[in-house]
Protein backbone atom coordinates (compact mmCIF):
# COMPACT_ATOMS: atom_id res chain seq x y z
CA MET A 1 -33.44 10.16 -18.57
CA ALA A 2 -31.55 8.32 -21.19
CA ARG A 3 -28.82 5.37 -19.94
CA ARG A 4 -24.62 5.62 -20.43
CA CYS A 5 -23.40 2.99 -22.96
CA SER A 6 -21.28 1.03 -22.56
CA THR A 7 -18.26 0.38 -25.13
CA ARG A 8 -20.08 -3.09 -25.34
CA SER A 9 -23.26 -1.97 -26.28
CA PRO A 10 -24.91 -3.79 -29.09
CA GLY A 11 -26.24 -0.28 -30.20
CA HIS A 12 -23.01 1.59 -29.66
CA ARG A 13 -20.66 2.35 -32.64
CA ALA A 14 -16.81 3.88 -31.24
CA ASP A 15 -16.50 6.13 -33.93
CA PRO A 16 -19.89 6.95 -35.55
CA ASN A 17 -17.69 8.95 -37.84
CA ARG A 18 -15.48 6.48 -39.00
CA PRO A 19 -15.27 6.19 -42.82
CA PRO A 20 -17.53 3.30 -43.92
CA ALA A 21 -15.72 -0.18 -44.24
CA ALA A 22 -14.90 -1.98 -47.50
CA GLY A 23 -17.64 -3.80 -48.98
CA ARG A 24 -20.52 -1.84 -47.83
CA ASN A 25 -22.44 -1.09 -51.18
CA GLN A 26 -22.69 2.54 -52.27
CA GLU A 27 -25.67 3.76 -50.42
CA GLU A 28 -24.36 2.92 -47.37
CA ALA A 29 -20.91 4.23 -48.24
CA ALA A 30 -22.08 7.79 -48.30
CA ARG A 31 -24.15 7.77 -45.11
CA ILE A 32 -24.32 11.18 -44.03
CA GLY A 33 -23.66 11.91 -40.63
CA LEU A 34 -23.42 14.62 -38.14
CA VAL A 35 -20.18 16.03 -38.72
CA ASP A 36 -20.83 15.69 -42.34
CA LEU A 37 -24.07 18.21 -42.09
CA ILE A 38 -21.77 19.90 -39.72
CA LEU A 39 -19.10 20.96 -41.75
CA LEU A 40 -21.27 20.92 -45.31
CA GLY A 41 -24.67 21.63 -45.16
CA VAL A 42 -25.87 24.31 -46.30
CA ARG A 43 -26.22 27.32 -44.13
CA VAL A 44 -30.40 28.92 -43.47
CA ASP A 45 -28.48 32.71 -42.35
CA ASN A 46 -25.66 33.82 -44.57
CA SER A 47 -24.22 36.11 -42.01
CA GLN A 48 -25.19 35.48 -37.92
CA PRO A 49 -26.70 32.28 -35.62
CA VAL A 50 -30.70 33.48 -34.68
CA ALA A 51 -31.59 33.23 -31.70
CA GLY A 52 -28.78 30.99 -31.06
CA LYS A 53 -28.47 29.02 -33.25
CA VAL A 54 -26.62 28.31 -36.58
CA ARG A 55 -28.96 26.55 -38.69
CA LEU A 56 -27.82 23.62 -40.99
CA VAL A 57 -29.78 22.33 -44.53
CA TYR A 58 -29.16 19.25 -46.13
CA PHE A 59 -31.65 18.48 -48.94
CA ALA A 60 -32.15 15.05 -49.83
CA LYS A 61 -33.38 12.53 -53.03
CA ASP A 62 -36.79 12.11 -51.31
CA PRO A 63 -38.26 12.09 -48.21
CA ALA A 64 -37.82 8.90 -47.48
CA GLU A 65 -33.98 9.70 -47.74
CA ALA A 66 -34.63 12.17 -45.09
CA LYS A 67 -36.06 10.45 -42.93
CA ARG A 68 -33.49 7.86 -43.06
CA ILE A 69 -30.81 10.35 -43.13
CA PHE A 70 -32.95 11.93 -39.55
CA ALA A 71 -32.56 8.65 -37.66
CA HIS A 72 -28.65 9.35 -38.84
CA LEU A 73 -27.98 12.01 -37.57
CA ALA A 74 -30.56 11.74 -34.25
CA SER A 75 -28.10 8.42 -32.97
CA ASP A 76 -24.86 10.37 -34.00
CA VAL A 77 -26.25 12.45 -31.54
CA HIS A 78 -26.68 10.25 -28.59
CA HIS A 79 -23.84 8.71 -29.49
CA ALA A 80 -21.55 11.70 -29.07
CA ALA A 81 -23.21 12.52 -25.38
CA GLY A 82 -22.48 8.92 -24.96
CA LEU A 83 -26.00 7.68 -24.36
CA GLU A 84 -27.78 4.83 -25.40
CA TRP A 85 -29.48 4.99 -28.96
CA ARG A 86 -33.12 3.16 -29.63
CA THR A 87 -34.92 3.73 -32.50
CA ARG A 88 -38.21 4.28 -30.42
CA PHE A 89 -36.53 7.74 -29.36
CA ILE A 90 -37.14 9.00 -33.05
CA GLU A 91 -40.57 7.09 -33.89
CA GLY A 92 -43.68 8.85 -36.02
CA LYS A 93 -41.75 11.94 -34.46
CA SER A 94 -40.05 14.56 -38.09
CA GLU A 95 -37.68 16.37 -34.54
CA PHE A 96 -35.29 15.03 -31.87
CA GLU A 97 -33.36 17.66 -30.01
CA LEU A 98 -30.95 16.86 -27.16
CA GLY A 99 -28.41 19.15 -25.58
CA ARG A 100 -27.64 21.55 -28.32
CA TYR A 101 -28.85 19.91 -31.07
CA HIS A 102 -32.07 20.05 -32.77
CA ILE A 103 -32.91 17.89 -36.06
CA SER A 104 -36.06 17.89 -38.42
CA PHE A 105 -36.97 17.33 -41.84
CA ASP A 106 -40.11 18.22 -43.89
CA GLY A 107 -40.41 16.60 -46.90
CA PRO A 108 -36.95 16.10 -48.49
CA SER A 109 -35.26 18.29 -46.73
CA VAL A 110 -33.06 17.69 -43.56
CA PHE A 111 -32.24 20.63 -40.44
CA LEU A 112 -29.99 20.71 -37.95
CA ALA A 113 -29.72 23.69 -35.35
CA VAL A 114 -26.88 23.97 -33.71
CA ALA A 115 -26.81 26.17 -30.27
CA ILE A 116 -23.99 28.19 -30.46
CA GLU A 117 -23.07 30.67 -27.11
CA ASP A 118 -22.53 33.95 -27.51
CA GLY A 119 -18.99 34.84 -26.89
CA VAL A 120 -18.05 31.70 -28.83
CA TRP A 121 -19.12 33.14 -32.02
CA ALA A 122 -17.87 36.34 -30.87
CA ARG A 123 -14.12 34.93 -30.65
CA PHE A 124 -14.80 32.80 -33.96
CA ASN A 125 -15.79 36.31 -35.92
CA SER A 126 -13.19 38.62 -34.41
CA ARG A 127 -11.10 39.51 -37.42
């Protein structure tokens, strides 16, 4: 069972979606996180959730970048849940799931599936 992290945990960032600090290199400044992919990722299924999940994809420049983004997303999901993050949770894996989020990568593609309740979907699409 994962432990809840305190705000003083060295692996915990207070706000994983906060803009990066000035002075970071270009790649660090362009870190793709959970909210970025949710807002800007390409919808795999254009109309409705499939099996209760909205699926998004990001096409990285190469498999190494996809693996880094996969790690960032898994870390962000852990932090959003208030849990401590350790890279061992994803070592040797290409899939990760926690709560309503399922993250995976295959080659240069990074996939995020977010479970959506039918009632929530209906409220956003009732007009």
